N, C-alpha and C. Protein backbone atom coordinates (compact mmCIF):
# COMPACT_ATOMS: atom_id res chain seq x y z
N UNK A 1 13.20 12.49 -26.33
CA UNK A 1 13.49 12.76 -24.94
C UNK A 1 14.98 12.54 -24.71
N UNK A 2 15.65 13.55 -24.18
CA UNK A 2 17.10 13.50 -23.99
C UNK A 2 17.44 13.91 -22.57
N UNK A 3 18.44 13.27 -22.00
CA UNK A 3 18.95 13.61 -20.67
C UNK A 3 20.45 13.43 -20.64
N UNK A 4 21.01 13.46 -19.44
CA UNK A 4 22.45 13.35 -19.26
C UNK A 4 22.77 12.38 -18.13
N UNK A 5 23.85 11.63 -18.29
CA UNK A 5 24.40 10.80 -17.21
C UNK A 5 25.17 11.74 -16.29
N UNK A 6 24.81 11.76 -15.00
CA UNK A 6 25.53 12.61 -14.06
C UNK A 6 26.52 11.84 -13.21
N UNK A 7 26.32 10.52 -13.07
CA UNK A 7 27.25 9.69 -12.30
C UNK A 7 27.07 8.24 -12.71
N UNK A 8 28.14 7.45 -12.52
CA UNK A 8 28.08 6.01 -12.76
C UNK A 8 28.69 5.31 -11.54
N UNK A 9 28.09 4.19 -11.14
CA UNK A 9 28.48 3.52 -9.90
C UNK A 9 28.42 2.01 -10.07
N UNK A 10 29.24 1.32 -9.30
CA UNK A 10 29.18 -0.15 -9.27
C UNK A 10 29.82 -0.65 -7.99
N UNK A 11 29.44 -1.86 -7.62
CA UNK A 11 30.04 -2.52 -6.47
C UNK A 11 30.08 -4.01 -6.74
N UNK A 12 31.22 -4.62 -6.55
CA UNK A 12 31.35 -6.05 -6.73
C UNK A 12 30.77 -6.85 -5.57
N UNK A 13 30.42 -6.17 -4.50
CA UNK A 13 29.83 -6.80 -3.32
C UNK A 13 28.34 -6.46 -3.27
N UNK A 14 27.58 -7.23 -2.53
CA UNK A 14 26.15 -6.92 -2.34
C UNK A 14 26.03 -5.88 -1.24
N UNK A 15 26.42 -4.64 -1.57
CA UNK A 15 26.31 -3.52 -0.65
C UNK A 15 25.12 -2.68 -1.06
N UNK A 16 24.55 -1.96 -0.11
CA UNK A 16 23.40 -1.12 -0.44
C UNK A 16 23.84 0.05 -1.32
N UNK A 17 24.84 0.78 -0.90
CA UNK A 17 25.36 1.90 -1.68
C UNK A 17 26.50 1.43 -2.58
N UNK A 18 26.73 2.18 -3.67
CA UNK A 18 27.78 1.84 -4.62
C UNK A 18 28.65 3.07 -4.84
N UNK A 19 29.97 2.91 -4.84
CA UNK A 19 30.84 4.07 -5.07
C UNK A 19 30.77 4.54 -6.52
N UNK A 20 30.85 5.86 -6.69
CA UNK A 20 30.86 6.45 -8.02
C UNK A 20 32.25 6.31 -8.62
N UNK A 21 32.30 6.23 -9.95
CA UNK A 21 33.58 6.10 -10.64
C UNK A 21 33.62 6.96 -11.89
N UNK A 22 34.69 6.84 -12.63
CA UNK A 22 34.87 7.61 -13.85
C UNK A 22 34.10 7.03 -15.02
N UNK A 23 33.87 5.71 -15.00
CA UNK A 23 33.11 5.06 -16.07
C UNK A 23 32.66 3.69 -15.60
N UNK A 24 31.67 3.15 -16.31
CA UNK A 24 31.27 1.76 -16.15
C UNK A 24 31.19 1.17 -17.55
N UNK A 25 31.33 -0.15 -17.63
CA UNK A 25 31.17 -0.83 -18.90
C UNK A 25 29.95 -1.73 -18.80
N UNK A 26 29.01 -1.51 -19.74
CA UNK A 26 27.83 -2.36 -19.81
C UNK A 26 28.12 -3.51 -20.76
N UNK A 27 27.72 -4.72 -20.35
CA UNK A 27 27.93 -5.93 -21.14
C UNK A 27 26.58 -6.47 -21.60
N UNK A 28 26.42 -6.66 -22.89
CA UNK A 28 25.14 -7.11 -23.46
C UNK A 28 24.67 -8.40 -22.79
N UNK A 29 23.42 -8.38 -22.36
CA UNK A 29 22.79 -9.54 -21.76
C UNK A 29 23.21 -9.84 -20.34
N UNK A 30 24.11 -9.03 -19.77
CA UNK A 30 24.65 -9.33 -18.44
C UNK A 30 24.47 -8.20 -17.43
N UNK A 31 24.81 -6.97 -17.83
CA UNK A 31 24.71 -5.85 -16.90
C UNK A 31 26.00 -5.07 -16.83
N UNK A 32 26.32 -4.60 -15.61
CA UNK A 32 27.48 -3.73 -15.38
C UNK A 32 28.68 -4.59 -15.00
N UNK A 33 29.73 -4.50 -15.81
CA UNK A 33 30.95 -5.25 -15.53
C UNK A 33 31.46 -4.90 -14.14
N UNK A 34 31.76 -5.94 -13.35
CA UNK A 34 32.27 -5.72 -12.00
C UNK A 34 31.23 -5.47 -10.94
N UNK A 35 29.95 -5.49 -11.30
CA UNK A 35 28.88 -5.25 -10.33
C UNK A 35 28.33 -6.58 -9.83
N UNK A 36 27.91 -6.61 -8.58
CA UNK A 36 27.38 -7.83 -7.96
C UNK A 36 26.11 -8.34 -8.64
N UNK A 37 25.40 -7.48 -9.37
CA UNK A 37 24.15 -7.89 -10.02
C UNK A 37 24.35 -8.33 -11.47
N UNK A 38 25.60 -8.49 -11.90
CA UNK A 38 25.93 -8.92 -13.25
C UNK A 38 25.47 -10.36 -13.46
N UNK A 39 24.75 -10.61 -14.54
CA UNK A 39 24.40 -11.98 -14.88
C UNK A 39 23.10 -12.11 -15.63
N UNK A 40 22.93 -13.26 -16.25
CA UNK A 40 21.74 -13.57 -17.03
C UNK A 40 20.55 -13.87 -16.11
N UNK A 41 20.85 -14.50 -14.97
CA UNK A 41 19.79 -14.83 -14.01
C UNK A 41 19.88 -13.88 -12.81
N UNK A 42 18.81 -13.82 -12.02
CA UNK A 42 18.70 -12.88 -10.90
C UNK A 42 19.89 -12.99 -9.95
N UNK A 43 20.27 -11.85 -9.40
CA UNK A 43 21.37 -11.78 -8.43
C UNK A 43 20.93 -11.14 -7.13
N UNK A 44 19.77 -10.45 -7.16
CA UNK A 44 19.23 -9.83 -5.94
C UNK A 44 18.93 -10.95 -4.96
N UNK A 45 19.46 -10.85 -3.75
CA UNK A 45 19.41 -11.95 -2.79
C UNK A 45 18.02 -12.52 -2.55
N UNK A 46 17.01 -11.65 -2.36
CA UNK A 46 15.66 -12.16 -2.06
C UNK A 46 15.09 -12.90 -3.27
N UNK A 47 15.43 -12.48 -4.46
CA UNK A 47 14.92 -13.14 -5.67
C UNK A 47 15.64 -14.45 -5.93
N UNK A 48 16.93 -14.51 -5.61
CA UNK A 48 17.68 -15.75 -5.73
C UNK A 48 17.08 -16.79 -4.79
N UNK A 49 16.69 -16.37 -3.57
CA UNK A 49 16.09 -17.28 -2.60
C UNK A 49 14.77 -17.83 -3.10
N UNK A 50 14.00 -17.02 -3.86
CA UNK A 50 12.71 -17.47 -4.40
C UNK A 50 12.91 -18.44 -5.56
N UNK A 51 13.77 -18.07 -6.52
CA UNK A 51 14.01 -18.89 -7.71
C UNK A 51 15.25 -18.37 -8.43
N UNK A 52 16.38 -19.03 -8.24
CA UNK A 52 17.63 -18.54 -8.83
C UNK A 52 17.70 -18.65 -10.36
N UNK A 53 16.69 -19.27 -10.97
CA UNK A 53 16.70 -19.42 -12.43
C UNK A 53 15.92 -18.31 -13.14
N UNK A 54 15.33 -17.38 -12.37
CA UNK A 54 14.58 -16.27 -12.98
C UNK A 54 15.52 -15.43 -13.84
N UNK A 55 15.01 -14.91 -14.97
CA UNK A 55 15.85 -14.01 -15.76
C UNK A 55 16.13 -12.72 -14.98
N UNK A 56 17.32 -12.18 -15.18
CA UNK A 56 17.73 -10.96 -14.49
C UNK A 56 17.20 -9.75 -15.24
N UNK A 57 16.07 -9.23 -14.81
CA UNK A 57 15.48 -8.03 -15.40
C UNK A 57 15.97 -6.77 -14.71
N UNK A 58 16.92 -6.94 -13.78
CA UNK A 58 17.44 -5.84 -12.97
C UNK A 58 18.96 -5.73 -13.15
N UNK A 59 19.42 -5.82 -14.39
CA UNK A 59 20.86 -5.77 -14.65
C UNK A 59 21.44 -4.38 -14.41
N UNK A 60 20.66 -3.34 -14.69
CA UNK A 60 21.11 -1.96 -14.53
C UNK A 60 20.03 -1.18 -13.80
N UNK A 61 20.45 -0.45 -12.76
CA UNK A 61 19.53 0.40 -11.99
C UNK A 61 19.85 1.84 -12.31
N UNK A 62 18.85 2.58 -12.77
CA UNK A 62 19.00 4.01 -13.08
C UNK A 62 18.10 4.81 -12.15
N UNK A 63 18.61 5.94 -11.68
CA UNK A 63 17.81 6.80 -10.81
C UNK A 63 18.02 8.26 -11.25
N UNK A 64 16.98 9.03 -11.13
CA UNK A 64 17.01 10.43 -11.55
C UNK A 64 17.54 11.31 -10.41
N UNK A 65 18.53 12.12 -10.75
CA UNK A 65 19.16 13.01 -9.78
C UNK A 65 18.15 13.98 -9.17
N UNK A 66 17.09 14.28 -9.88
CA UNK A 66 16.06 15.18 -9.36
C UNK A 66 15.45 14.66 -8.06
N UNK A 67 15.46 13.33 -7.85
CA UNK A 67 14.96 12.77 -6.60
C UNK A 67 15.81 13.25 -5.42
N UNK A 68 17.11 13.39 -5.63
CA UNK A 68 18.00 13.82 -4.55
C UNK A 68 17.62 15.22 -4.07
N UNK A 69 17.30 16.10 -5.01
CA UNK A 69 16.87 17.46 -4.65
C UNK A 69 15.54 17.41 -3.91
N UNK A 70 14.65 16.54 -4.36
CA UNK A 70 13.33 16.41 -3.71
C UNK A 70 13.47 15.97 -2.26
N UNK A 71 14.27 14.93 -2.01
CA UNK A 71 14.41 14.44 -0.63
C UNK A 71 15.27 15.37 0.22
N UNK A 72 16.13 16.17 -0.42
CA UNK A 72 16.91 17.17 0.32
C UNK A 72 15.98 18.18 0.96
N UNK A 73 14.87 18.48 0.27
CA UNK A 73 13.87 19.40 0.82
C UNK A 73 13.23 18.87 2.09
N UNK A 74 13.31 17.55 2.29
CA UNK A 74 12.78 16.94 3.51
C UNK A 74 13.90 16.66 4.52
N UNK A 75 15.12 17.15 4.20
CA UNK A 75 16.22 17.02 5.15
C UNK A 75 17.14 15.83 4.95
N UNK A 76 17.05 15.15 3.80
CA UNK A 76 17.88 13.97 3.56
C UNK A 76 18.97 14.27 2.53
N UNK A 77 20.22 14.05 2.92
CA UNK A 77 21.34 14.21 1.99
C UNK A 77 21.58 12.88 1.29
N UNK A 78 21.38 12.85 -0.02
CA UNK A 78 21.59 11.63 -0.81
C UNK A 78 22.46 12.01 -2.01
N UNK A 79 23.50 11.21 -2.23
CA UNK A 79 24.42 11.45 -3.35
C UNK A 79 24.33 10.29 -4.34
N UNK A 80 24.85 10.48 -5.55
CA UNK A 80 24.88 9.38 -6.53
C UNK A 80 25.51 8.12 -5.93
N UNK A 81 24.84 7.00 -6.17
CA UNK A 81 25.29 5.70 -5.69
C UNK A 81 24.78 5.34 -4.32
N UNK A 82 24.33 6.33 -3.54
CA UNK A 82 23.86 6.05 -2.18
C UNK A 82 22.69 5.07 -2.14
N UNK A 83 21.81 5.13 -3.14
CA UNK A 83 20.63 4.26 -3.15
C UNK A 83 20.86 3.02 -4.01
N UNK A 84 22.12 2.76 -4.37
CA UNK A 84 22.46 1.52 -5.06
C UNK A 84 22.35 1.54 -6.57
N UNK A 85 22.14 2.72 -7.15
CA UNK A 85 21.99 2.79 -8.60
C UNK A 85 23.33 2.68 -9.30
N UNK A 86 23.28 2.23 -10.56
CA UNK A 86 24.46 2.18 -11.42
C UNK A 86 24.63 3.45 -12.22
N UNK A 87 23.50 4.06 -12.62
CA UNK A 87 23.53 5.25 -13.46
C UNK A 87 22.61 6.30 -12.85
N UNK A 88 23.17 7.47 -12.57
CA UNK A 88 22.38 8.60 -12.10
C UNK A 88 22.16 9.51 -13.31
N UNK A 89 20.92 9.95 -13.49
CA UNK A 89 20.57 10.74 -14.68
C UNK A 89 20.06 12.11 -14.28
N UNK A 90 19.98 12.98 -15.29
CA UNK A 90 19.40 14.30 -15.10
C UNK A 90 18.66 14.67 -16.38
N UNK A 91 17.49 15.31 -16.21
CA UNK A 91 16.78 15.86 -17.36
C UNK A 91 15.92 14.90 -18.15
N UNK A 92 15.73 13.69 -17.66
CA UNK A 92 14.88 12.73 -18.36
C UNK A 92 13.92 12.10 -17.34
N UNK A 93 12.65 12.04 -17.68
CA UNK A 93 11.62 11.52 -16.78
C UNK A 93 11.64 9.99 -16.81
N UNK A 94 12.54 9.40 -16.07
CA UNK A 94 12.68 7.94 -16.05
C UNK A 94 11.38 7.26 -15.65
N UNK A 95 10.73 7.77 -14.60
CA UNK A 95 9.54 7.10 -14.05
C UNK A 95 8.36 7.17 -15.02
N UNK A 96 8.37 8.10 -15.95
CA UNK A 96 7.29 8.25 -16.91
C UNK A 96 7.49 7.45 -18.19
N UNK A 97 8.61 6.76 -18.32
CA UNK A 97 8.87 5.99 -19.53
C UNK A 97 8.02 4.72 -19.55
N UNK A 98 7.59 4.27 -20.73
CA UNK A 98 6.89 2.99 -20.80
C UNK A 98 7.87 1.82 -20.81
N UNK A 99 7.37 0.66 -20.43
CA UNK A 99 8.16 -0.57 -20.49
C UNK A 99 8.61 -0.79 -21.93
N UNK A 100 9.84 -1.22 -22.10
CA UNK A 100 10.37 -1.48 -23.43
C UNK A 100 11.09 -0.30 -24.06
N UNK A 101 11.09 0.85 -23.37
CA UNK A 101 11.85 2.00 -23.87
C UNK A 101 13.32 1.60 -23.95
N UNK A 102 13.97 2.04 -25.02
CA UNK A 102 15.41 1.80 -25.16
C UNK A 102 16.15 3.09 -24.84
N UNK A 103 17.04 3.00 -23.87
CA UNK A 103 17.84 4.15 -23.49
C UNK A 103 19.22 3.99 -24.11
N UNK A 104 19.57 4.94 -24.97
CA UNK A 104 20.88 4.96 -25.61
C UNK A 104 21.78 5.82 -24.73
N UNK A 105 22.80 5.21 -24.15
CA UNK A 105 23.71 5.89 -23.23
C UNK A 105 25.08 6.00 -23.87
N UNK A 106 25.57 7.22 -24.00
CA UNK A 106 26.88 7.41 -24.60
C UNK A 106 26.87 7.02 -26.07
N UNK A 107 28.03 6.56 -26.54
CA UNK A 107 28.20 6.26 -27.97
C UNK A 107 27.58 4.95 -28.41
N UNK A 108 27.54 3.93 -27.52
CA UNK A 108 27.15 2.60 -27.98
C UNK A 108 26.11 1.88 -27.12
N UNK A 109 26.13 2.09 -25.85
CA UNK A 109 25.33 1.27 -24.93
C UNK A 109 23.83 1.51 -25.11
N UNK A 110 23.06 0.42 -25.00
CA UNK A 110 21.61 0.49 -25.07
C UNK A 110 21.04 -0.37 -23.95
N UNK A 111 20.17 0.23 -23.13
CA UNK A 111 19.50 -0.46 -22.03
C UNK A 111 18.00 -0.44 -22.30
N UNK A 112 17.36 -1.60 -22.22
CA UNK A 112 15.91 -1.67 -22.37
C UNK A 112 15.27 -1.64 -20.98
N UNK A 113 14.33 -0.71 -20.79
CA UNK A 113 13.67 -0.53 -19.51
C UNK A 113 12.70 -1.69 -19.26
N UNK A 114 12.86 -2.34 -18.09
CA UNK A 114 12.00 -3.48 -17.74
C UNK A 114 10.96 -3.13 -16.68
N UNK A 115 11.24 -2.13 -15.83
CA UNK A 115 10.26 -1.78 -14.80
C UNK A 115 10.83 -0.88 -13.74
N UNK A 116 10.05 -0.69 -12.69
CA UNK A 116 10.40 0.17 -11.56
C UNK A 116 11.16 -0.60 -10.50
N UNK A 117 12.09 0.08 -9.87
CA UNK A 117 12.71 -0.50 -8.68
C UNK A 117 11.66 -0.47 -7.57
N UNK A 118 11.62 -1.53 -6.80
CA UNK A 118 10.71 -1.57 -5.67
C UNK A 118 11.50 -1.19 -4.42
N UNK A 119 11.38 0.06 -3.95
CA UNK A 119 12.16 0.49 -2.78
C UNK A 119 11.89 -0.43 -1.58
N UNK A 120 12.96 -0.74 -0.85
CA UNK A 120 12.85 -1.68 0.26
C UNK A 120 13.25 -1.03 1.58
N UNK A 121 13.12 -1.79 2.66
CA UNK A 121 13.41 -1.29 4.00
C UNK A 121 14.87 -0.89 4.19
N UNK A 122 15.76 -1.37 3.32
CA UNK A 122 17.17 -0.98 3.44
C UNK A 122 17.34 0.53 3.29
N UNK A 123 16.40 1.17 2.61
CA UNK A 123 16.47 2.64 2.46
C UNK A 123 16.35 3.31 3.82
N UNK A 124 15.48 2.79 4.69
CA UNK A 124 15.37 3.36 6.03
C UNK A 124 16.58 3.01 6.89
N UNK A 125 17.23 1.88 6.62
CA UNK A 125 18.47 1.55 7.34
C UNK A 125 19.58 2.52 6.92
N UNK A 126 19.53 2.97 5.67
CA UNK A 126 20.51 3.93 5.16
C UNK A 126 20.26 5.31 5.78
N UNK A 127 19.01 5.80 5.72
CA UNK A 127 18.61 7.08 6.30
C UNK A 127 17.20 6.89 6.87
N UNK A 128 17.10 6.84 8.20
CA UNK A 128 15.81 6.60 8.86
C UNK A 128 14.78 7.63 8.39
N UNK A 129 13.62 7.13 7.92
CA UNK A 129 12.53 7.98 7.47
C UNK A 129 12.55 8.29 5.98
N UNK A 130 13.63 7.92 5.27
CA UNK A 130 13.75 8.23 3.85
C UNK A 130 12.77 7.41 3.00
N UNK A 131 12.49 6.18 3.40
CA UNK A 131 11.64 5.31 2.58
C UNK A 131 10.30 5.95 2.24
N UNK A 132 9.68 6.63 3.21
CA UNK A 132 8.36 7.23 2.95
C UNK A 132 8.43 8.35 1.92
N UNK A 133 9.63 8.85 1.61
CA UNK A 133 9.79 9.88 0.58
C UNK A 133 10.13 9.26 -0.78
N UNK A 134 10.46 7.97 -0.77
CA UNK A 134 10.83 7.28 -2.00
C UNK A 134 9.69 6.38 -2.50
N UNK A 135 8.80 6.03 -1.61
CA UNK A 135 7.60 5.28 -1.99
C UNK A 135 6.44 5.82 -1.16
N UNK A 136 5.32 6.03 -1.83
CA UNK A 136 4.16 6.57 -1.13
C UNK A 136 2.90 6.26 -1.90
N UNK A 137 1.90 7.07 -1.72
CA UNK A 137 0.62 6.89 -2.41
C UNK A 137 0.19 8.21 -3.02
N UNK A 138 -0.49 8.12 -4.16
CA UNK A 138 -1.04 9.33 -4.78
C UNK A 138 -2.43 9.61 -4.22
N UNK A 139 -3.11 10.63 -4.78
CA UNK A 139 -4.42 11.04 -4.27
C UNK A 139 -5.46 9.92 -4.33
N UNK A 140 -5.31 9.01 -5.30
CA UNK A 140 -6.28 7.91 -5.44
C UNK A 140 -5.92 6.70 -4.59
N UNK A 141 -4.77 6.75 -3.90
CA UNK A 141 -4.34 5.64 -3.05
C UNK A 141 -3.40 4.67 -3.75
N UNK A 142 -3.09 4.90 -5.01
CA UNK A 142 -2.19 4.02 -5.74
C UNK A 142 -0.75 4.22 -5.26
N UNK A 143 0.02 3.14 -5.20
CA UNK A 143 1.41 3.20 -4.78
C UNK A 143 2.24 3.93 -5.83
N UNK A 144 3.09 4.83 -5.38
CA UNK A 144 4.00 5.57 -6.25
C UNK A 144 5.43 5.23 -5.81
N UNK A 145 6.18 4.62 -6.74
CA UNK A 145 7.57 4.25 -6.47
C UNK A 145 8.49 5.24 -7.18
N UNK A 146 9.38 5.88 -6.42
CA UNK A 146 10.27 6.90 -6.99
C UNK A 146 11.73 6.46 -6.99
N UNK A 147 12.00 5.21 -6.65
CA UNK A 147 13.37 4.73 -6.47
C UNK A 147 14.11 4.36 -7.74
N UNK A 148 13.64 4.84 -8.88
CA UNK A 148 14.35 4.59 -10.12
C UNK A 148 13.75 3.46 -10.93
N UNK A 149 14.46 3.13 -12.00
CA UNK A 149 14.00 2.09 -12.93
C UNK A 149 15.09 1.05 -13.12
N UNK A 150 14.69 -0.08 -13.65
CA UNK A 150 15.60 -1.18 -13.92
C UNK A 150 15.59 -1.49 -15.41
N UNK A 151 16.67 -2.10 -15.87
CA UNK A 151 16.73 -2.46 -17.28
C UNK A 151 17.73 -3.56 -17.54
N UNK A 152 17.71 -4.04 -18.79
CA UNK A 152 18.65 -5.05 -19.26
C UNK A 152 19.48 -4.44 -20.38
N UNK A 153 20.71 -4.91 -20.50
CA UNK A 153 21.63 -4.37 -21.49
C UNK A 153 21.44 -5.09 -22.82
N UNK A 154 21.03 -4.32 -23.84
CA UNK A 154 20.89 -4.87 -25.19
C UNK A 154 22.20 -4.75 -25.97
N UNK A 155 22.87 -3.62 -25.81
CA UNK A 155 24.15 -3.39 -26.48
C UNK A 155 25.12 -2.82 -25.46
N UNK A 156 26.29 -3.42 -25.41
CA UNK A 156 27.29 -3.00 -24.44
C UNK A 156 28.03 -1.74 -24.86
N UNK A 157 28.76 -1.19 -23.91
CA UNK A 157 29.58 -0.02 -24.17
C UNK A 157 29.94 0.68 -22.88
N UNK A 158 30.86 1.61 -22.99
CA UNK A 158 31.29 2.38 -21.84
C UNK A 158 30.35 3.57 -21.63
N UNK A 159 30.07 3.85 -20.36
CA UNK A 159 29.20 4.97 -19.99
C UNK A 159 29.94 5.81 -18.97
N UNK A 160 29.91 7.14 -19.19
CA UNK A 160 30.64 8.08 -18.33
C UNK A 160 29.72 9.24 -17.94
N UNK A 161 30.02 9.89 -16.81
CA UNK A 161 29.30 11.13 -16.50
C UNK A 161 29.48 12.12 -17.65
N UNK A 162 28.40 12.82 -17.97
CA UNK A 162 28.41 13.77 -19.08
C UNK A 162 27.88 13.19 -20.38
N UNK A 163 27.80 11.85 -20.47
CA UNK A 163 27.24 11.22 -21.68
C UNK A 163 25.77 11.58 -21.82
N UNK A 164 25.33 11.71 -23.07
CA UNK A 164 23.92 11.93 -23.34
C UNK A 164 23.15 10.63 -23.22
N UNK A 165 21.87 10.77 -22.87
CA UNK A 165 20.93 9.65 -22.83
C UNK A 165 19.80 10.02 -23.78
N UNK A 166 19.52 9.13 -24.71
CA UNK A 166 18.40 9.37 -25.62
C UNK A 166 17.41 8.23 -25.45
N UNK A 167 16.14 8.59 -25.21
CA UNK A 167 15.09 7.59 -25.02
C UNK A 167 14.41 7.32 -26.35
N UNK A 168 14.34 6.05 -26.71
CA UNK A 168 13.62 5.59 -27.90
C UNK A 168 12.40 4.81 -27.42
N UNK A 169 11.23 5.43 -27.57
CA UNK A 169 10.00 4.80 -27.08
C UNK A 169 9.61 3.62 -27.96
N UNK A 170 9.01 2.58 -27.35
CA UNK A 170 8.57 1.44 -28.14
C UNK A 170 7.32 1.80 -28.95
N UNK A 171 7.02 0.97 -29.93
CA UNK A 171 5.76 1.15 -30.65
C UNK A 171 4.61 1.00 -29.66
N UNK A 172 3.53 1.72 -29.88
CA UNK A 172 2.37 1.68 -28.98
C UNK A 172 1.59 0.41 -29.14
N UNK A 173 0.63 0.16 -28.28
CA UNK A 173 0.31 0.99 -27.12
C UNK A 173 1.38 0.84 -26.03
N UNK A 174 1.63 1.93 -25.31
CA UNK A 174 2.66 1.93 -24.28
C UNK A 174 2.13 1.31 -23.00
N UNK A 175 2.98 0.50 -22.36
CA UNK A 175 2.64 -0.16 -21.11
C UNK A 175 3.36 0.57 -19.97
N UNK A 176 2.62 1.11 -18.99
CA UNK A 176 3.27 1.82 -17.89
C UNK A 176 4.20 0.88 -17.10
N UNK A 177 5.19 1.46 -16.46
CA UNK A 177 6.12 0.67 -15.66
C UNK A 177 5.45 0.16 -14.40
N UNK A 178 5.83 -1.05 -14.02
CA UNK A 178 5.41 -1.65 -12.77
C UNK A 178 6.68 -2.18 -12.11
N UNK A 179 6.58 -2.56 -10.83
CA UNK A 179 7.78 -3.03 -10.14
C UNK A 179 8.29 -4.31 -10.78
N UNK A 180 9.59 -4.45 -10.74
CA UNK A 180 10.23 -5.63 -11.31
C UNK A 180 11.31 -6.12 -10.34
């Protein structure tokens, strides 16, 4: 399974949206250099309040650009970084990957997928009504989260728009993604 990096974003502040840049540097075991979520332990404010010693399973947030086209059909303009992701992708089914998938980004970087982003109410503060298009229910009533995936950095390296992404699936049995 192969895709492409279409944008890279980071913010040193705890802002909802992140500005896009020419490149980001992933640091093994930490996350995105210069990003507010960089670290071995959790940095997301609500998780720090619960237990600041939890391991940071949300070092890198990836979101599929195809979601932007989907929500545009409902009247929402969303650009790379608007939903807080570090890496915007194209051509790879991020939400369908199993836990433990290794994503090879560019020449050196490797991110291990830990789970799904759990979309929050800040999405509606960004664009009123958008949340219901990013999280919903399927025909059986199960919750469907479309807000991207989270991962940890196994191998560092620079990542740029245009870089290839190659997914290396873990040995089976595969465990579906759940919120993290």
